[in-house]
Amino acid sequence: MFLFSTTIKNNISFGLHDQNIPQERIENAAKKAVIHSNIETFKDKYNTILGERGITLSGGQKQRMSIARAIIDEPKILIFDDCLSAVDTETEEEILSNLKQLMKNSTSIIISHRISSVKHANRILVLDEGQIAEQGTHEELIAAEGLYFDTYQKQLLEDEKEVV
């Protein structure tokens, strides 16, 4: 996740060949990444400069800005490497829900330690010391009661502690 010392608009549209990206397209990507409402609170909105002299973003905002950049061009392959680790579970659910349609038309790989990020995947691979230890759907892996199940149980307990 790398952001450049330029405007939010340029950070989201970075890498697109067309220099005249419609504002609506940029905002749509930001809305799917659940960062639009944050951007709207900044004085210069999408023209806010990021970087040393610009605004400081939280870890979650940086992740969501990077997601917006990744999805703006609706790529055929998406790889999200722990891209939701700095957002709360409610925001994570909203982002994943927004991305479902986009992911239907692409090959998507989500790398995560959080079960909530991968539970809706068609195929889940569980790695243990660099080796595939288990694979299947969320339901299959829960029923197998292996590493995935253990991780799921631990994360449920952690979530319950946060609620209390």
N, C-alpha and C. Protein backbone atom coordinates (compact mmCIF):
# COMPACT_ATOMS: atom_id res chain seq x y z
N MET A 1 0.85 -1.16 0.00
CA MET A 1 0.00 0.00 0.00
C MET A 1 0.90 1.22 0.00
N PHE A 2 0.96 1.87 -1.13
CA PHE A 2 1.81 3.05 -1.26
C PHE A 2 0.99 4.18 -1.81
N LEU A 3 0.99 5.30 -1.12
CA LEU A 3 0.29 6.48 -1.59
C LEU A 3 1.33 7.52 -2.00
N PHE A 4 0.99 8.28 -3.00
CA PHE A 4 1.91 9.26 -3.56
C PHE A 4 1.61 10.66 -3.03
N SER A 5 2.62 11.53 -3.04
CA SER A 5 2.46 12.92 -2.60
C SER A 5 1.79 13.71 -3.72
N THR A 6 0.52 13.47 -3.87
CA THR A 6 -0.30 14.16 -4.86
C THR A 6 -1.73 14.15 -4.34
N THR A 7 -2.69 14.53 -5.14
CA THR A 7 -4.07 14.61 -4.67
C THR A 7 -4.67 13.21 -4.47
N ILE A 8 -5.73 13.18 -3.69
CA ILE A 8 -6.47 11.94 -3.50
C ILE A 8 -6.96 11.44 -4.86
N LYS A 9 -7.48 12.36 -5.67
CA LYS A 9 -7.96 12.01 -7.02
C LYS A 9 -6.87 11.32 -7.82
N ASN A 10 -5.66 11.87 -7.81
CA ASN A 10 -4.55 11.28 -8.56
C ASN A 10 -4.10 9.95 -7.96
N ASN A 11 -4.19 9.82 -6.64
CA ASN A 11 -3.82 8.56 -6.00
C ASN A 11 -4.77 7.44 -6.41
N ILE A 12 -6.08 7.74 -6.45
CA ILE A 12 -7.05 6.72 -6.82
C ILE A 12 -6.94 6.37 -8.31
N SER A 13 -6.73 7.37 -9.16
CA SER A 13 -6.70 7.12 -10.61
C SER A 13 -5.30 6.77 -11.12
N PHE A 14 -4.32 6.68 -10.23
CA PHE A 14 -2.94 6.38 -10.62
C PHE A 14 -2.88 5.09 -11.43
N GLY A 15 -2.17 5.13 -12.52
CA GLY A 15 -1.98 3.93 -13.34
C GLY A 15 -2.96 3.83 -14.51
N LEU A 16 -4.00 4.65 -14.50
CA LEU A 16 -4.92 4.65 -15.64
C LEU A 16 -4.31 5.47 -16.75
N HIS A 17 -4.45 5.00 -17.96
CA HIS A 17 -3.81 5.67 -19.10
C HIS A 17 -4.53 6.95 -19.50
N ASP A 18 -5.83 7.00 -19.31
CA ASP A 18 -6.62 8.17 -19.66
C ASP A 18 -6.41 9.24 -18.59
N GLN A 19 -5.97 10.41 -18.98
CA GLN A 19 -5.71 11.48 -18.03
C GLN A 19 -6.98 12.23 -17.64
N ASN A 20 -8.06 12.04 -18.39
CA ASN A 20 -9.31 12.75 -18.13
C ASN A 20 -10.34 11.81 -17.53
N ILE A 21 -10.03 11.27 -16.38
CA ILE A 21 -10.92 10.34 -15.69
C ILE A 21 -12.10 11.13 -15.13
N PRO A 22 -13.32 10.73 -15.45
CA PRO A 22 -14.47 11.45 -14.89
C PRO A 22 -14.49 11.35 -13.36
N GLN A 23 -14.82 12.46 -12.72
CA GLN A 23 -14.89 12.51 -11.26
C GLN A 23 -15.84 11.43 -10.73
N GLU A 24 -16.91 11.19 -11.44
CA GLU A 24 -17.90 10.19 -11.02
C GLU A 24 -17.27 8.80 -10.92
N ARG A 25 -16.37 8.48 -11.85
CA ARG A 25 -15.70 7.17 -11.83
C ARG A 25 -14.79 7.04 -10.61
N ILE A 26 -14.09 8.11 -10.29
CA ILE A 26 -13.20 8.12 -9.13
C ILE A 26 -14.03 7.99 -7.85
N GLU A 27 -15.11 8.74 -7.77
CA GLU A 27 -15.96 8.69 -6.58
C GLU A 27 -16.64 7.33 -6.44
N ASN A 28 -17.02 6.71 -7.55
CA ASN A 28 -17.64 5.39 -7.49
C ASN A 28 -16.67 4.36 -6.90
N ALA A 29 -15.40 4.41 -7.32
CA ALA A 29 -14.39 3.50 -6.76
C ALA A 29 -14.21 3.77 -5.27
N ALA A 30 -14.20 5.05 -4.90
CA ALA A 30 -14.05 5.42 -3.48
C ALA A 30 -15.25 4.95 -2.66
N LYS A 31 -16.43 5.03 -3.24
CA LYS A 31 -17.64 4.57 -2.53
C LYS A 31 -17.58 3.06 -2.32
N LYS A 32 -17.16 2.31 -3.33
CA LYS A 32 -17.06 0.86 -3.19
C LYS A 32 -16.03 0.48 -2.14
N ALA A 33 -14.98 1.29 -2.02
CA ALA A 33 -13.93 1.04 -1.03
C ALA A 33 -14.25 1.66 0.33
N VAL A 34 -15.41 2.27 0.45
CA VAL A 34 -15.91 2.87 1.70
C VAL A 34 -14.94 3.93 2.24
N ILE A 35 -14.44 4.78 1.33
CA ILE A 35 -13.57 5.88 1.74
C ILE A 35 -14.16 7.23 1.31
N HIS A 36 -15.16 7.22 0.47
CA HIS A 36 -15.76 8.45 -0.06
C HIS A 36 -16.22 9.40 1.04
N SER A 37 -16.94 8.89 2.03
CA SER A 37 -17.47 9.77 3.09
C SER A 37 -16.34 10.42 3.88
N ASN A 38 -15.22 9.71 4.05
CA ASN A 38 -14.06 10.33 4.72
C ASN A 38 -13.47 11.45 3.86
N ILE A 39 -13.35 11.19 2.57
CA ILE A 39 -12.78 12.19 1.65
C ILE A 39 -13.63 13.45 1.65
N GLU A 40 -14.93 13.29 1.71
CA GLU A 40 -15.84 14.43 1.68
C GLU A 40 -15.68 15.34 2.90
N THR A 41 -15.09 14.83 3.99
CA THR A 41 -14.89 15.66 5.18
C THR A 41 -13.62 16.50 5.09
N PHE A 42 -12.72 16.18 4.15
CA PHE A 42 -11.49 16.94 4.00
C PHE A 42 -11.79 18.28 3.32
N LYS A 43 -11.07 19.31 3.71
CA LYS A 43 -11.30 20.66 3.19
C LYS A 43 -11.32 20.69 1.66
N ASP A 44 -10.35 20.07 1.04
CA ASP A 44 -10.25 20.10 -0.42
C ASP A 44 -10.79 18.83 -1.08
N LYS A 45 -11.46 18.02 -0.31
CA LYS A 45 -12.09 16.78 -0.79
C LYS A 45 -11.13 15.97 -1.66
N TYR A 46 -11.48 15.67 -2.90
CA TYR A 46 -10.64 14.84 -3.77
C TYR A 46 -9.37 15.57 -4.25
N ASN A 47 -9.31 16.87 -4.03
CA ASN A 47 -8.12 17.64 -4.39
C ASN A 47 -7.16 17.80 -3.21
N THR A 48 -7.45 17.13 -2.11
CA THR A 48 -6.57 17.14 -0.94
C THR A 48 -5.25 16.47 -1.29
N ILE A 49 -4.16 17.13 -0.94
CA ILE A 49 -2.82 16.59 -1.21
C ILE A 49 -2.43 15.64 -0.09
N LEU A 50 -2.00 14.44 -0.48
CA LEU A 50 -1.48 13.47 0.48
C LEU A 50 0.04 13.57 0.47
N GLY A 51 0.66 13.19 1.56
CA GLY A 51 2.12 13.20 1.59
C GLY A 51 2.63 13.99 2.77
N GLU A 52 3.89 14.36 2.71
CA GLU A 52 4.57 15.00 3.82
C GLU A 52 3.86 16.26 4.30
N ARG A 53 3.43 17.11 3.36
CA ARG A 53 2.78 18.35 3.75
C ARG A 53 1.26 18.25 3.71
N GLY A 54 0.77 17.10 3.32
CA GLY A 54 -0.67 16.94 3.20
C GLY A 54 -1.29 16.31 4.41
N ILE A 55 -2.42 15.75 4.20
CA ILE A 55 -3.21 15.16 5.28
C ILE A 55 -2.61 13.81 5.69
N THR A 56 -2.75 13.47 6.92
CA THR A 56 -2.31 12.18 7.41
C THR A 56 -3.53 11.27 7.49
N LEU A 57 -3.45 10.12 6.86
CA LEU A 57 -4.55 9.16 6.86
C LEU A 57 -4.28 8.06 7.87
N SER A 58 -5.35 7.50 8.42
CA SER A 58 -5.21 6.35 9.31
C SER A 58 -4.84 5.14 8.46
N GLY A 59 -4.44 4.06 9.12
CA GLY A 59 -4.10 2.82 8.41
C GLY A 59 -5.28 2.31 7.60
N GLY A 60 -6.47 2.34 8.19
CA GLY A 60 -7.67 1.89 7.49
C GLY A 60 -8.00 2.75 6.28
N GLN A 61 -7.82 4.07 6.41
CA GLN A 61 -8.06 4.97 5.28
C GLN A 61 -7.07 4.71 4.16
N LYS A 62 -5.81 4.46 4.50
CA LYS A 62 -4.81 4.15 3.48
C LYS A 62 -5.18 2.86 2.75
N GLN A 63 -5.62 1.85 3.51
CA GLN A 63 -6.01 0.59 2.88
C GLN A 63 -7.18 0.79 1.93
N ARG A 64 -8.18 1.56 2.38
CA ARG A 64 -9.36 1.78 1.55
C ARG A 64 -9.03 2.61 0.31
N MET A 65 -8.09 3.54 0.44
CA MET A 65 -7.64 4.33 -0.71
C MET A 65 -6.96 3.41 -1.73
N SER A 66 -6.16 2.48 -1.24
CA SER A 66 -5.48 1.52 -2.11
C SER A 66 -6.48 0.58 -2.78
N ILE A 67 -7.53 0.20 -2.08
CA ILE A 67 -8.57 -0.64 -2.67
C ILE A 67 -9.27 0.12 -3.80
N ALA A 68 -9.57 1.40 -3.56
CA ALA A 68 -10.20 2.22 -4.60
C ALA A 68 -9.31 2.26 -5.84
N ARG A 69 -8.01 2.42 -5.65
CA ARG A 69 -7.08 2.44 -6.78
C ARG A 69 -7.07 1.10 -7.51
N ALA A 70 -7.14 0.02 -6.75
CA ALA A 70 -7.09 -1.32 -7.35
C ALA A 70 -8.33 -1.63 -8.17
N ILE A 71 -9.48 -1.11 -7.77
CA ILE A 71 -10.72 -1.50 -8.44
C ILE A 71 -11.24 -0.51 -9.47
N ILE A 72 -10.66 0.67 -9.55
CA ILE A 72 -11.21 1.70 -10.43
C ILE A 72 -11.25 1.26 -11.90
N ASP A 73 -10.32 0.43 -12.30
CA ASP A 73 -10.26 0.00 -13.70
C ASP A 73 -10.90 -1.38 -13.91
N GLU A 74 -11.58 -1.90 -12.88
CA GLU A 74 -12.25 -3.19 -12.94
C GLU A 74 -11.35 -4.26 -13.59
N PRO A 75 -10.22 -4.56 -12.94
CA PRO A 75 -9.27 -5.51 -13.51
C PRO A 75 -9.82 -6.95 -13.54
N LYS A 76 -9.24 -7.76 -14.39
CA LYS A 76 -9.65 -9.17 -14.50
C LYS A 76 -9.06 -10.02 -13.38
N ILE A 77 -7.97 -9.55 -12.78
CA ILE A 77 -7.35 -10.27 -11.66
C ILE A 77 -7.17 -9.28 -10.52
N LEU A 78 -7.67 -9.65 -9.35
CA LEU A 78 -7.51 -8.83 -8.15
C LEU A 78 -6.79 -9.65 -7.10
N ILE A 79 -5.76 -9.08 -6.50
CA ILE A 79 -5.07 -9.74 -5.40
C ILE A 79 -5.07 -8.77 -4.22
N PHE A 80 -5.77 -9.15 -3.18
CA PHE A 80 -5.83 -8.35 -1.97
C PHE A 80 -5.02 -9.05 -0.89
N ASP A 81 -3.90 -8.45 -0.51
CA ASP A 81 -3.02 -9.04 0.49
C ASP A 81 -3.24 -8.35 1.83
N ASP A 82 -4.04 -8.96 2.67
CA ASP A 82 -4.36 -8.44 4.00
C ASP A 82 -4.84 -6.99 3.93
N CYS A 83 -5.65 -6.71 2.91
CA CYS A 83 -6.07 -5.34 2.62
C CYS A 83 -7.13 -4.80 3.57
N LEU A 84 -7.66 -5.64 4.43
CA LEU A 84 -8.71 -5.20 5.34
C LEU A 84 -8.31 -5.31 6.81
N SER A 85 -7.03 -5.51 7.06
CA SER A 85 -6.57 -5.74 8.43
C SER A 85 -6.72 -4.52 9.33
N ALA A 86 -6.73 -3.32 8.76
CA ALA A 86 -6.79 -2.10 9.57
C ALA A 86 -8.19 -1.48 9.61
N VAL A 87 -9.19 -2.21 9.11
CA VAL A 87 -10.56 -1.70 9.18
C VAL A 87 -11.37 -2.55 10.16
N ASP A 88 -12.39 -1.96 10.73
CA ASP A 88 -13.24 -2.71 11.65
C ASP A 88 -14.09 -3.70 10.86
N THR A 89 -14.68 -4.66 11.55
CA THR A 89 -15.41 -5.73 10.86
C THR A 89 -16.64 -5.22 10.13
N GLU A 90 -17.27 -4.17 10.64
CA GLU A 90 -18.45 -3.60 9.97
C GLU A 90 -18.05 -2.99 8.62
N THR A 91 -16.96 -2.23 8.60
CA THR A 91 -16.46 -1.63 7.36
C THR A 91 -15.99 -2.72 6.41
N GLU A 92 -15.34 -3.74 6.96
CA GLU A 92 -14.88 -4.87 6.16
C GLU A 92 -16.06 -5.52 5.43
N GLU A 93 -17.14 -5.77 6.15
CA GLU A 93 -18.34 -6.38 5.55
C GLU A 93 -18.91 -5.51 4.44
N GLU A 94 -18.93 -4.20 4.68
CA GLU A 94 -19.46 -3.27 3.68
C GLU A 94 -18.59 -3.28 2.42
N ILE A 95 -17.29 -3.26 2.59
CA ILE A 95 -16.38 -3.29 1.44
C ILE A 95 -16.55 -4.59 0.66
N LEU A 96 -16.54 -5.72 1.37
CA LEU A 96 -16.68 -7.02 0.70
C LEU A 96 -18.01 -7.13 -0.02
N SER A 97 -19.06 -6.60 0.57
CA SER A 97 -20.37 -6.61 -0.07
C SER A 97 -20.33 -5.77 -1.36
N ASN A 98 -19.69 -4.61 -1.30
CA ASN A 98 -19.57 -3.74 -2.47
C ASN A 98 -18.74 -4.38 -3.58
N LEU A 99 -17.77 -5.21 -3.20
CA LEU A 99 -16.86 -5.80 -4.18
C LEU A 99 -17.40 -7.09 -4.80
N LYS A 100 -18.47 -7.66 -4.24
CA LYS A 100 -18.98 -8.94 -4.74
C LYS A 100 -19.26 -8.93 -6.23
N GLN A 101 -19.92 -7.89 -6.72
CA GLN A 101 -20.25 -7.81 -8.15
C GLN A 101 -18.98 -7.73 -8.99
N LEU A 102 -18.04 -6.92 -8.57
CA LEU A 102 -16.77 -6.79 -9.29
C LEU A 102 -16.02 -8.11 -9.30
N MET A 103 -16.03 -8.83 -8.18
CA MET A 103 -15.31 -10.09 -8.07
C MET A 103 -15.94 -11.19 -8.92
N LYS A 104 -17.22 -11.09 -9.23
CA LYS A 104 -17.88 -12.08 -10.09
C LYS A 104 -17.28 -12.08 -11.48
N ASN A 105 -16.77 -10.93 -11.91
CA ASN A 105 -16.23 -10.78 -13.25
C ASN A 105 -14.71 -10.85 -13.29
N SER A 106 -14.11 -11.31 -12.21
CA SER A 106 -12.65 -11.37 -12.17
C SER A 106 -12.20 -12.57 -11.35
N THR A 107 -10.93 -12.86 -11.46
CA THR A 107 -10.31 -13.83 -10.57
C THR A 107 -9.80 -13.04 -9.38
N SER A 108 -10.26 -13.39 -8.20
CA SER A 108 -9.90 -12.63 -7.00
C SER A 108 -9.23 -13.54 -5.98
N ILE A 109 -8.11 -13.05 -5.48
CA ILE A 109 -7.38 -13.76 -4.44
C ILE A 109 -7.33 -12.84 -3.23
N ILE A 110 -7.82 -13.34 -2.10
CA ILE A 110 -7.79 -12.57 -0.86
C ILE A 110 -6.88 -13.31 0.11
N ILE A 111 -5.83 -12.65 0.51
CA ILE A 111 -4.90 -13.21 1.49
C ILE A 111 -5.21 -12.53 2.81
N SER A 112 -5.54 -13.33 3.83
CA SER A 112 -5.96 -12.72 5.08
C SER A 112 -5.79 -13.67 6.25
N HIS A 113 -5.63 -13.09 7.41
CA HIS A 113 -5.63 -13.85 8.67
C HIS A 113 -7.03 -13.85 9.27
N ARG A 114 -7.90 -13.02 8.74
CA ARG A 114 -9.24 -12.89 9.27
C ARG A 114 -10.21 -13.77 8.50
N ILE A 115 -10.88 -14.66 9.20
CA ILE A 115 -11.87 -15.55 8.60
C ILE A 115 -12.97 -14.72 7.92
N SER A 116 -13.36 -13.62 8.54
CA SER A 116 -14.44 -12.79 8.01
C SER A 116 -14.11 -12.26 6.61
N SER A 117 -12.84 -12.14 6.27
CA SER A 117 -12.45 -11.65 4.94
C SER A 117 -12.55 -12.73 3.86
N VAL A 118 -12.49 -13.99 4.25
CA VAL A 118 -12.43 -15.07 3.26
C VAL A 118 -13.62 -16.02 3.29
N LYS A 119 -14.49 -15.89 4.27
CA LYS A 119 -15.54 -16.90 4.47
C LYS A 119 -16.50 -17.06 3.30
N HIS A 120 -16.62 -16.06 2.43
CA HIS A 120 -17.53 -16.15 1.29
C HIS A 120 -16.82 -16.60 0.00
N ALA A 121 -15.56 -16.93 0.10
CA ALA A 121 -14.79 -17.33 -1.09
C ALA A 121 -15.26 -18.69 -1.61
N ASN A 122 -15.10 -18.90 -2.91
CA ASN A 122 -15.44 -20.19 -3.53
C ASN A 122 -14.51 -21.30 -3.04
N ARG A 123 -13.24 -20.95 -2.81
CA ARG A 123 -12.25 -21.93 -2.39
C ARG A 123 -11.31 -21.22 -1.42
N ILE A 124 -11.11 -21.84 -0.27
CA ILE A 124 -10.23 -21.30 0.76
C ILE A 124 -9.06 -22.26 0.93
N LEU A 125 -7.86 -21.73 0.88
CA LEU A 125 -6.66 -22.52 1.14
C LEU A 125 -6.10 -22.09 2.49
N VAL A 126 -5.87 -23.04 3.36
CA VAL A 126 -5.32 -22.76 4.68
C VAL A 126 -3.85 -23.18 4.65
N LEU A 127 -2.98 -22.22 4.91
CA LEU A 127 -1.55 -22.50 4.91
C LEU A 127 -1.05 -22.69 6.34
N ASP A 128 -0.15 -23.64 6.50
CA ASP A 128 0.51 -23.87 7.77
C ASP A 128 1.97 -24.10 7.47
N GLU A 129 2.82 -23.19 7.94
CA GLU A 129 4.26 -23.26 7.69
C GLU A 129 4.57 -23.38 6.20
N GLY A 130 3.85 -22.58 5.39
CA GLY A 130 4.12 -22.53 3.96
C GLY A 130 3.51 -23.64 3.13
N GLN A 131 2.81 -24.56 3.76
CA GLN A 131 2.19 -25.69 3.05
C GLN A 131 0.66 -25.60 3.14
N ILE A 132 -0.01 -26.09 2.10
CA ILE A 132 -1.47 -26.13 2.15
C ILE A 132 -1.88 -27.23 3.12
N ALA A 133 -2.52 -26.83 4.21
CA ALA A 133 -2.93 -27.78 5.24
C ALA A 133 -4.38 -28.23 5.03
N GLU A 134 -5.20 -27.32 4.51
CA GLU A 134 -6.62 -27.61 4.28
C GLU A 134 -7.10 -26.77 3.11
N GLN A 135 -8.17 -27.24 2.49
CA GLN A 135 -8.81 -26.42 1.47
C GLN A 135 -10.27 -26.83 1.34
N GLY A 136 -11.08 -25.86 0.96
CA GLY A 136 -12.50 -26.11 0.81
C GLY A 136 -13.29 -24.82 0.96
N THR A 137 -14.60 -24.94 1.09
CA THR A 137 -15.44 -23.79 1.36
C THR A 137 -15.43 -23.54 2.87
N HIS A 138 -15.98 -22.42 3.26
CA HIS A 138 -16.08 -22.10 4.68
C HIS A 138 -16.80 -23.23 5.42
N GLU A 139 -17.93 -23.65 4.88
CA GLU A 139 -18.73 -24.70 5.53
C GLU A 139 -17.97 -26.02 5.62
N GLU A 140 -17.27 -26.38 4.55
CA GLU A 140 -16.50 -27.63 4.55
C GLU A 140 -15.37 -27.58 5.59
N LEU A 141 -14.72 -26.45 5.67
CA LEU A 141 -13.59 -26.32 6.60
C LEU A 141 -14.06 -26.26 8.05
N ILE A 142 -15.21 -25.67 8.30
CA ILE A 142 -15.77 -25.68 9.65
C ILE A 142 -16.12 -27.11 10.05
N ALA A 143 -16.75 -27.83 9.12
CA ALA A 143 -17.14 -29.22 9.41
C ALA A 143 -15.94 -30.13 9.65
N ALA A 144 -14.80 -29.83 9.01
CA ALA A 144 -13.60 -30.64 9.17
C ALA A 144 -12.95 -30.47 10.55
N GLU A 145 -13.26 -29.37 11.22
CA GLU A 145 -12.74 -29.08 12.56
C GLU A 145 -11.22 -29.16 12.66
N GLY A 146 -10.55 -28.57 11.67
CA GLY A 146 -9.08 -28.53 11.67
C GLY A 146 -8.55 -27.15 12.04
N LEU A 147 -7.47 -26.74 11.39
CA LEU A 147 -6.84 -25.44 11.67
C LEU A 147 -7.79 -24.27 11.42
N TYR A 148 -8.51 -24.32 10.30
CA TYR A 148 -9.45 -23.25 9.96
C TYR A 148 -10.51 -23.12 11.05
N PHE A 149 -11.06 -24.26 11.46
CA PHE A 149 -12.08 -24.28 12.52
C PHE A 149 -11.51 -23.68 13.81
N ASP A 150 -10.29 -24.07 14.18
CA ASP A 150 -9.66 -23.54 15.39
C ASP A 150 -9.50 -22.02 15.30
N THR A 151 -9.04 -21.54 14.17
CA THR A 151 -8.86 -20.10 13.96
C THR A 151 -10.21 -19.39 14.04
N TYR A 152 -11.22 -19.99 13.42
CA TYR A 152 -12.56 -19.43 13.44
C TYR A 152 -13.08 -19.30 14.87
N GLN A 153 -12.90 -20.34 15.67
CA GLN A 153 -13.34 -20.31 17.06
C GLN A 153 -12.62 -19.23 17.86
N LYS A 154 -11.31 -19.10 17.67
CA LYS A 154 -10.53 -18.09 18.38
C LYS A 154 -11.00 -16.69 18.01
N GLN A 155 -11.26 -16.48 16.70
CA GLN A 155 -11.69 -15.16 16.26
C GLN A 155 -13.11 -14.84 16.75
N LEU A 156 -13.96 -15.84 16.85
CA LEU A 156 -15.30 -15.63 17.43
C LEU A 156 -15.19 -15.18 18.87
N LEU A 157 -14.31 -15.83 19.62
CA LEU A 157 -14.11 -15.46 21.03
C LEU A 157 -13.57 -14.04 21.15
N GLU A 158 -12.62 -13.67 20.29
CA GLU A 158 -12.06 -12.32 20.30
C GLU A 158 -13.13 -11.29 19.98
N ASP A 159 -13.98 -11.59 19.01
CA ASP A 159 -15.07 -10.68 18.64
C ASP A 159 -16.04 -10.50 19.80
N GLU A 160 -16.33 -11.59 20.51
CA GLU A 160 -17.25 -11.52 21.65
C GLU A 160 -16.65 -10.67 22.77
N LYS A 161 -15.34 -10.77 22.99
CA LYS A 161 -14.68 -9.97 24.02
C LYS A 161 -14.76 -8.50 23.69
N GLU A 162 -14.63 -8.14 22.39
CA GLU A 162 -14.69 -6.74 21.97
C GLU A 162 -16.09 -6.17 22.17
N VAL A 163 -17.11 -6.98 22.01
CA VAL A 163 -18.49 -6.53 22.16
C VAL A 163 -18.82 -6.25 23.62
N VAL A 164 -18.26 -7.07 24.51
CA VAL A 164 -18.56 -6.94 25.95
C VAL A 164 -17.90 -5.75 26.55
